[in-house]
């Protein structure tokens, strides 16, 4: 998890990232869980503002290259893609316990992440 650019995982050019953005409490974390086939990978809550950091989930780790038996024992082919799903705090929802400064910090971090992150492949 990360709450500042300096705390984001180091980008790897071979691992693309997919980020889901939107308002608080619209189901971004639930979508992450559904896509990964897990009930509680990304923490969820009925209360808006539950996700307060960037969370990176590696998908298909170690399954990106597979042996190609038709080409011999040592040959590898590209299997399923290895990538990260990024769960981020929601934007635009007002919660008493989250200060305007914190909300602005999240928005600024998200804008910077989307602008400069070379490994970011998809924004949904």
N, C-alpha and C. Protein backbone atom coordinates (compact mmCIF):
# COMPACT_ATOMS: atom_id res chain seq x y z
N UNK A 1 0.85 -1.18 0.00
CA UNK A 1 0.00 0.00 0.00
C UNK A 1 0.88 1.23 0.00
N UNK A 2 0.36 2.33 -0.52
CA UNK A 2 1.14 3.55 -0.64
C UNK A 2 0.24 4.77 -0.50
N UNK A 3 0.79 5.82 0.11
CA UNK A 3 0.04 7.07 0.23
C UNK A 3 0.86 8.26 -0.27
N UNK A 4 1.97 7.97 -0.98
CA UNK A 4 2.81 9.01 -1.57
C UNK A 4 3.54 8.41 -2.77
N UNK A 5 3.92 9.23 -3.74
CA UNK A 5 4.62 8.72 -4.93
C UNK A 5 5.87 7.96 -4.53
N UNK A 6 6.58 8.42 -3.52
CA UNK A 6 7.82 7.77 -3.10
C UNK A 6 7.58 6.38 -2.51
N UNK A 7 6.37 6.09 -2.13
CA UNK A 7 6.05 4.79 -1.54
C UNK A 7 5.41 3.82 -2.53
N UNK A 8 5.18 4.27 -3.75
CA UNK A 8 4.61 3.36 -4.75
C UNK A 8 5.65 2.29 -5.08
N UNK A 9 5.20 1.09 -5.42
CA UNK A 9 6.16 0.06 -5.83
C UNK A 9 6.96 0.53 -7.04
N UNK A 10 8.20 0.12 -7.10
CA UNK A 10 9.05 0.48 -8.23
C UNK A 10 8.45 -0.10 -9.51
N UNK A 11 8.25 0.74 -10.51
CA UNK A 11 7.67 0.23 -11.76
C UNK A 11 8.61 -0.77 -12.43
N UNK A 12 8.05 -1.82 -12.98
CA UNK A 12 8.80 -2.78 -13.78
C UNK A 12 8.22 -2.74 -15.18
N UNK A 13 9.05 -2.52 -16.19
CA UNK A 13 8.53 -2.36 -17.54
C UNK A 13 7.78 -3.58 -18.06
N UNK A 14 8.04 -4.75 -17.48
CA UNK A 14 7.37 -5.96 -17.95
C UNK A 14 6.05 -6.22 -17.23
N UNK A 15 5.70 -5.39 -16.25
CA UNK A 15 4.44 -5.58 -15.51
C UNK A 15 3.60 -4.32 -15.66
N UNK A 16 2.56 -4.40 -16.45
CA UNK A 16 1.66 -3.28 -16.69
C UNK A 16 0.71 -3.12 -15.52
N UNK A 17 0.10 -1.96 -15.40
CA UNK A 17 -0.83 -1.68 -14.30
C UNK A 17 -2.18 -1.22 -14.85
N UNK A 18 -3.22 -1.62 -14.14
CA UNK A 18 -4.60 -1.24 -14.45
C UNK A 18 -5.16 -0.59 -13.20
N UNK A 19 -5.66 0.64 -13.30
CA UNK A 19 -6.19 1.34 -12.14
C UNK A 19 -7.68 1.63 -12.35
N UNK A 20 -8.44 1.46 -11.27
CA UNK A 20 -9.86 1.78 -11.28
C UNK A 20 -10.05 3.07 -10.48
N UNK A 21 -10.61 4.09 -11.12
CA UNK A 21 -10.84 5.36 -10.44
C UNK A 21 -12.33 5.66 -10.42
N UNK A 22 -12.74 6.46 -9.47
CA UNK A 22 -14.14 6.85 -9.38
C UNK A 22 -14.46 7.38 -8.00
N UNK A 23 -15.71 7.70 -7.81
CA UNK A 23 -16.18 8.22 -6.53
C UNK A 23 -16.07 7.15 -5.45
N UNK A 24 -16.13 7.58 -4.23
CA UNK A 24 -16.13 6.66 -3.10
C UNK A 24 -17.40 5.83 -3.10
N UNK A 25 -17.26 4.60 -2.64
CA UNK A 25 -18.41 3.72 -2.39
C UNK A 25 -19.18 3.34 -3.65
N UNK A 26 -18.46 3.18 -4.78
CA UNK A 26 -19.12 2.74 -6.00
C UNK A 26 -18.76 1.29 -6.36
N UNK A 27 -17.90 0.66 -5.57
CA UNK A 27 -17.58 -0.75 -5.79
C UNK A 27 -16.25 -1.04 -6.44
N UNK A 28 -15.29 -0.09 -6.41
CA UNK A 28 -13.98 -0.34 -7.02
C UNK A 28 -13.29 -1.52 -6.36
N UNK A 29 -13.27 -1.56 -5.04
CA UNK A 29 -12.60 -2.66 -4.32
C UNK A 29 -13.35 -3.97 -4.54
N UNK A 30 -14.66 -3.92 -4.60
CA UNK A 30 -15.45 -5.13 -4.87
C UNK A 30 -15.15 -5.65 -6.28
N UNK A 31 -14.95 -4.75 -7.23
CA UNK A 31 -14.60 -5.14 -8.59
C UNK A 31 -13.24 -5.84 -8.61
N UNK A 32 -12.28 -5.30 -7.86
CA UNK A 32 -10.96 -5.94 -7.75
C UNK A 32 -11.12 -7.37 -7.24
N UNK A 33 -11.91 -7.54 -6.19
CA UNK A 33 -12.14 -8.87 -5.62
C UNK A 33 -12.79 -9.80 -6.64
N UNK A 34 -13.77 -9.31 -7.37
CA UNK A 34 -14.46 -10.14 -8.35
C UNK A 34 -13.52 -10.55 -9.48
N UNK A 35 -12.75 -9.61 -10.00
CA UNK A 35 -11.83 -9.91 -11.09
C UNK A 35 -10.74 -10.90 -10.68
N UNK A 36 -10.35 -10.85 -9.42
CA UNK A 36 -9.29 -11.74 -8.92
C UNK A 36 -9.86 -13.04 -8.36
N UNK A 37 -11.19 -13.17 -8.31
CA UNK A 37 -11.81 -14.38 -7.81
C UNK A 37 -11.60 -14.59 -6.32
N UNK A 38 -11.50 -13.49 -5.57
CA UNK A 38 -11.28 -13.56 -4.13
C UNK A 38 -12.32 -12.70 -3.44
N UNK A 39 -12.80 -13.11 -2.28
CA UNK A 39 -13.84 -12.36 -1.58
C UNK A 39 -13.29 -11.18 -0.78
N UNK A 40 -12.08 -11.28 -0.29
CA UNK A 40 -11.58 -10.24 0.61
C UNK A 40 -10.14 -9.85 0.30
N UNK A 41 -9.73 -9.91 -0.96
CA UNK A 41 -8.39 -9.46 -1.32
C UNK A 41 -8.26 -7.96 -1.06
N UNK A 42 -9.17 -7.20 -1.65
CA UNK A 42 -9.24 -5.76 -1.39
C UNK A 42 -10.30 -5.54 -0.31
N UNK A 43 -9.94 -4.85 0.72
CA UNK A 43 -10.86 -4.61 1.83
C UNK A 43 -12.03 -3.74 1.38
N UNK A 44 -13.24 -4.11 1.78
CA UNK A 44 -14.43 -3.36 1.41
C UNK A 44 -15.22 -2.97 2.66
N UNK A 45 -16.11 -2.02 2.48
CA UNK A 45 -16.96 -1.55 3.57
C UNK A 45 -18.18 -0.87 2.98
N UNK A 46 -19.25 -0.85 3.75
CA UNK A 46 -20.44 -0.13 3.29
C UNK A 46 -20.27 1.38 3.52
N UNK A 47 -19.28 1.75 4.30
CA UNK A 47 -19.01 3.17 4.57
C UNK A 47 -18.10 3.74 3.48
N UNK A 48 -18.43 4.89 2.91
CA UNK A 48 -17.55 5.51 1.92
C UNK A 48 -16.23 5.94 2.55
N UNK A 49 -15.17 5.95 1.75
CA UNK A 49 -13.87 6.40 2.23
C UNK A 49 -13.05 5.33 2.91
N UNK A 50 -13.41 4.06 2.75
CA UNK A 50 -12.70 2.97 3.41
C UNK A 50 -11.28 2.80 2.86
N UNK A 51 -11.12 2.89 1.54
CA UNK A 51 -9.79 2.76 0.94
C UNK A 51 -9.07 4.10 1.07
N UNK A 52 -7.93 4.09 1.78
CA UNK A 52 -7.22 5.34 2.06
C UNK A 52 -5.79 5.36 1.54
N UNK A 53 -5.40 4.30 0.85
CA UNK A 53 -4.07 4.21 0.25
C UNK A 53 -4.21 3.60 -1.13
N UNK A 54 -3.15 3.67 -1.91
CA UNK A 54 -3.09 2.92 -3.16
C UNK A 54 -2.70 1.49 -2.78
N UNK A 55 -3.44 0.52 -3.27
CA UNK A 55 -3.14 -0.89 -3.02
C UNK A 55 -2.85 -1.56 -4.35
N UNK A 56 -1.73 -2.28 -4.42
CA UNK A 56 -1.29 -2.94 -5.64
C UNK A 56 -1.45 -4.45 -5.49
N UNK A 57 -2.17 -5.06 -6.42
CA UNK A 57 -2.41 -6.50 -6.39
C UNK A 57 -1.83 -7.12 -7.65
N UNK A 58 -0.89 -8.03 -7.47
CA UNK A 58 -0.25 -8.70 -8.60
C UNK A 58 -1.17 -9.81 -9.10
N UNK A 59 -1.39 -9.85 -10.39
CA UNK A 59 -2.28 -10.83 -11.01
C UNK A 59 -1.46 -11.71 -11.95
N UNK A 60 -1.65 -13.01 -11.85
CA UNK A 60 -0.98 -13.99 -12.71
C UNK A 60 0.53 -14.04 -12.52
N UNK A 61 1.01 -13.70 -11.35
CA UNK A 61 2.45 -13.72 -11.09
C UNK A 61 3.00 -15.13 -11.33
N UNK A 62 4.07 -15.20 -12.09
CA UNK A 62 4.71 -16.48 -12.36
C UNK A 62 4.02 -17.32 -13.43
N UNK A 63 2.95 -16.81 -13.99
CA UNK A 63 2.23 -17.57 -15.02
C UNK A 63 2.38 -16.93 -16.39
N UNK A 64 3.26 -15.92 -16.48
CA UNK A 64 3.42 -15.18 -17.73
C UNK A 64 4.14 -15.95 -18.82
N UNK A 65 5.07 -16.84 -18.44
CA UNK A 65 5.78 -17.65 -19.42
C UNK A 65 5.51 -19.12 -19.13
N UNK A 66 5.21 -19.85 -20.15
CA UNK A 66 4.94 -21.28 -20.00
C UNK A 66 5.76 -22.06 -21.03
N UNK A 67 6.04 -23.31 -20.71
CA UNK A 67 6.80 -24.15 -21.63
C UNK A 67 5.98 -24.45 -22.87
N UNK A 68 6.65 -24.50 -24.00
CA UNK A 68 6.00 -24.87 -25.26
C UNK A 68 6.51 -26.25 -25.65
N UNK A 69 5.75 -27.31 -25.29
CA UNK A 69 6.23 -28.67 -25.54
C UNK A 69 6.48 -28.96 -27.02
N UNK A 70 5.83 -28.25 -27.90
CA UNK A 70 6.03 -28.51 -29.33
C UNK A 70 7.39 -28.02 -29.82
N UNK A 71 8.05 -27.16 -29.03
CA UNK A 71 9.33 -26.58 -29.42
C UNK A 71 10.50 -27.09 -28.59
N UNK A 72 10.27 -28.09 -27.75
CA UNK A 72 11.35 -28.62 -26.93
C UNK A 72 11.22 -28.19 -25.49
N UNK A 73 12.01 -28.82 -24.63
CA UNK A 73 11.90 -28.61 -23.18
C UNK A 73 12.24 -27.20 -22.73
N UNK A 74 13.21 -26.57 -23.37
CA UNK A 74 13.71 -25.28 -22.90
C UNK A 74 13.02 -24.07 -23.51
N UNK A 75 12.06 -24.26 -24.38
CA UNK A 75 11.43 -23.11 -25.02
C UNK A 75 10.25 -22.61 -24.19
N UNK A 76 10.11 -21.31 -24.17
CA UNK A 76 9.03 -20.67 -23.42
C UNK A 76 8.19 -19.82 -24.37
N UNK A 77 6.91 -19.78 -24.11
CA UNK A 77 6.01 -18.89 -24.85
C UNK A 77 5.25 -18.03 -23.84
N UNK A 78 4.73 -16.96 -24.33
CA UNK A 78 3.96 -16.06 -23.48
C UNK A 78 2.64 -16.73 -23.13
N UNK A 79 2.39 -16.84 -21.83
CA UNK A 79 1.13 -17.40 -21.36
C UNK A 79 0.16 -16.29 -21.05
N UNK A 80 -0.43 -16.33 -19.89
CA UNK A 80 -1.36 -15.28 -19.48
C UNK A 80 -0.58 -14.04 -19.05
N UNK A 81 -1.13 -12.87 -19.24
CA UNK A 81 -0.39 -11.65 -18.88
C UNK A 81 -0.21 -11.50 -17.37
N UNK A 82 0.95 -11.01 -16.99
CA UNK A 82 1.29 -10.72 -15.60
C UNK A 82 1.13 -9.21 -15.43
N UNK A 83 0.26 -8.77 -14.52
CA UNK A 83 0.01 -7.34 -14.36
C UNK A 83 -0.40 -7.02 -12.94
N UNK A 84 -0.55 -5.74 -12.63
CA UNK A 84 -1.02 -5.28 -11.32
C UNK A 84 -2.36 -4.58 -11.49
N UNK A 85 -3.27 -4.87 -10.57
CA UNK A 85 -4.50 -4.08 -10.44
C UNK A 85 -4.25 -3.11 -9.28
N UNK A 86 -4.59 -1.85 -9.49
CA UNK A 86 -4.36 -0.83 -8.47
C UNK A 86 -5.71 -0.33 -7.96
N UNK A 87 -5.91 -0.46 -6.66
CA UNK A 87 -7.13 0.01 -5.99
C UNK A 87 -6.78 1.32 -5.30
N UNK A 88 -7.50 2.39 -5.62
CA UNK A 88 -7.17 3.72 -5.10
C UNK A 88 -8.33 4.30 -4.31
N UNK A 89 -8.06 5.29 -3.45
CA UNK A 89 -9.15 5.94 -2.73
C UNK A 89 -10.14 6.58 -3.69
N UNK A 90 -11.40 6.56 -3.31
CA UNK A 90 -12.44 7.21 -4.10
C UNK A 90 -12.33 8.73 -4.00
N UNK A 91 -12.86 9.40 -4.98
CA UNK A 91 -12.80 10.85 -5.01
C UNK A 91 -14.21 11.44 -5.00
N UNK A 92 -14.35 12.58 -4.41
CA UNK A 92 -15.59 13.33 -4.53
C UNK A 92 -16.63 13.08 -3.45
N UNK A 93 -16.37 12.19 -2.52
CA UNK A 93 -17.34 11.92 -1.47
C UNK A 93 -16.93 12.68 -0.21
N UNK A 94 -17.86 13.28 0.48
CA UNK A 94 -17.55 14.04 1.68
C UNK A 94 -17.81 13.19 2.92
N UNK A 95 -16.79 13.03 3.73
CA UNK A 95 -16.89 12.29 4.98
C UNK A 95 -16.30 13.17 6.07
N UNK A 96 -16.98 13.27 7.16
CA UNK A 96 -16.54 14.15 8.24
C UNK A 96 -15.12 13.85 8.71
N UNK A 97 -14.76 12.58 8.82
CA UNK A 97 -13.46 12.25 9.39
C UNK A 97 -12.31 12.38 8.40
N UNK A 98 -12.59 12.64 7.12
CA UNK A 98 -11.53 12.85 6.14
C UNK A 98 -11.46 14.34 5.84
N UNK A 99 -10.31 14.93 6.13
CA UNK A 99 -10.15 16.37 5.94
C UNK A 99 -10.04 16.72 4.47
N UNK A 100 -10.33 17.97 4.16
CA UNK A 100 -10.19 18.45 2.78
C UNK A 100 -8.74 18.29 2.32
N UNK A 101 -7.78 18.51 3.23
CA UNK A 101 -6.37 18.36 2.90
C UNK A 101 -6.03 16.94 2.49
N UNK A 102 -6.57 15.96 3.20
CA UNK A 102 -6.32 14.55 2.87
C UNK A 102 -6.94 14.21 1.51
N UNK A 103 -8.16 14.67 1.30
CA UNK A 103 -8.84 14.41 0.03
C UNK A 103 -8.06 15.05 -1.13
N UNK A 104 -7.57 16.27 -0.93
CA UNK A 104 -6.76 16.94 -1.95
C UNK A 104 -5.45 16.19 -2.19
N UNK A 105 -4.88 15.64 -1.13
CA UNK A 105 -3.65 14.85 -1.24
C UNK A 105 -3.89 13.61 -2.09
N UNK A 106 -5.01 12.90 -1.86
CA UNK A 106 -5.34 11.72 -2.66
C UNK A 106 -5.52 12.11 -4.13
N UNK A 107 -6.25 13.20 -4.36
CA UNK A 107 -6.50 13.64 -5.74
C UNK A 107 -5.18 13.99 -6.43
N UNK A 108 -4.31 14.70 -5.73
CA UNK A 108 -3.02 15.08 -6.29
C UNK A 108 -2.16 13.86 -6.60
N UNK A 109 -2.13 12.89 -5.68
CA UNK A 109 -1.36 11.67 -5.89
C UNK A 109 -1.90 10.90 -7.10
N UNK A 110 -3.21 10.79 -7.20
CA UNK A 110 -3.82 10.07 -8.32
C UNK A 110 -3.50 10.77 -9.65
N UNK A 111 -3.61 12.09 -9.69
CA UNK A 111 -3.31 12.83 -10.91
C UNK A 111 -1.86 12.63 -11.32
N UNK A 112 -0.96 12.70 -10.35
CA UNK A 112 0.46 12.50 -10.66
C UNK A 112 0.72 11.07 -11.11
N UNK A 113 0.14 10.10 -10.44
CA UNK A 113 0.30 8.69 -10.80
C UNK A 113 -0.14 8.46 -12.25
N UNK A 114 -1.32 8.97 -12.60
CA UNK A 114 -1.84 8.78 -13.96
C UNK A 114 -0.97 9.49 -14.99
N UNK A 115 -0.41 10.62 -14.62
CA UNK A 115 0.38 11.42 -15.55
C UNK A 115 1.77 10.85 -15.79
N UNK A 116 2.44 10.36 -14.76
CA UNK A 116 3.86 10.01 -14.91
C UNK A 116 4.18 8.52 -14.85
N UNK A 117 3.23 7.69 -14.49
CA UNK A 117 3.52 6.26 -14.31
C UNK A 117 3.63 5.57 -15.67
N UNK A 118 4.85 5.23 -16.07
CA UNK A 118 5.08 4.62 -17.38
C UNK A 118 4.45 3.25 -17.53
N UNK A 119 4.30 2.53 -16.44
CA UNK A 119 3.77 1.17 -16.52
C UNK A 119 2.24 1.14 -16.49
N UNK A 120 1.61 2.28 -16.33
CA UNK A 120 0.14 2.34 -16.31
C UNK A 120 -0.38 2.11 -17.72
N UNK A 121 -1.13 1.04 -17.88
CA UNK A 121 -1.63 0.68 -19.21
C UNK A 121 -3.09 1.04 -19.41
N UNK A 122 -3.90 0.92 -18.33
CA UNK A 122 -5.33 1.14 -18.46
C UNK A 122 -5.85 1.91 -17.26
N UNK A 123 -6.69 2.92 -17.53
CA UNK A 123 -7.41 3.65 -16.49
C UNK A 123 -8.89 3.41 -16.74
N UNK A 124 -9.57 2.83 -15.75
CA UNK A 124 -11.00 2.54 -15.89
C UNK A 124 -11.74 3.39 -14.89
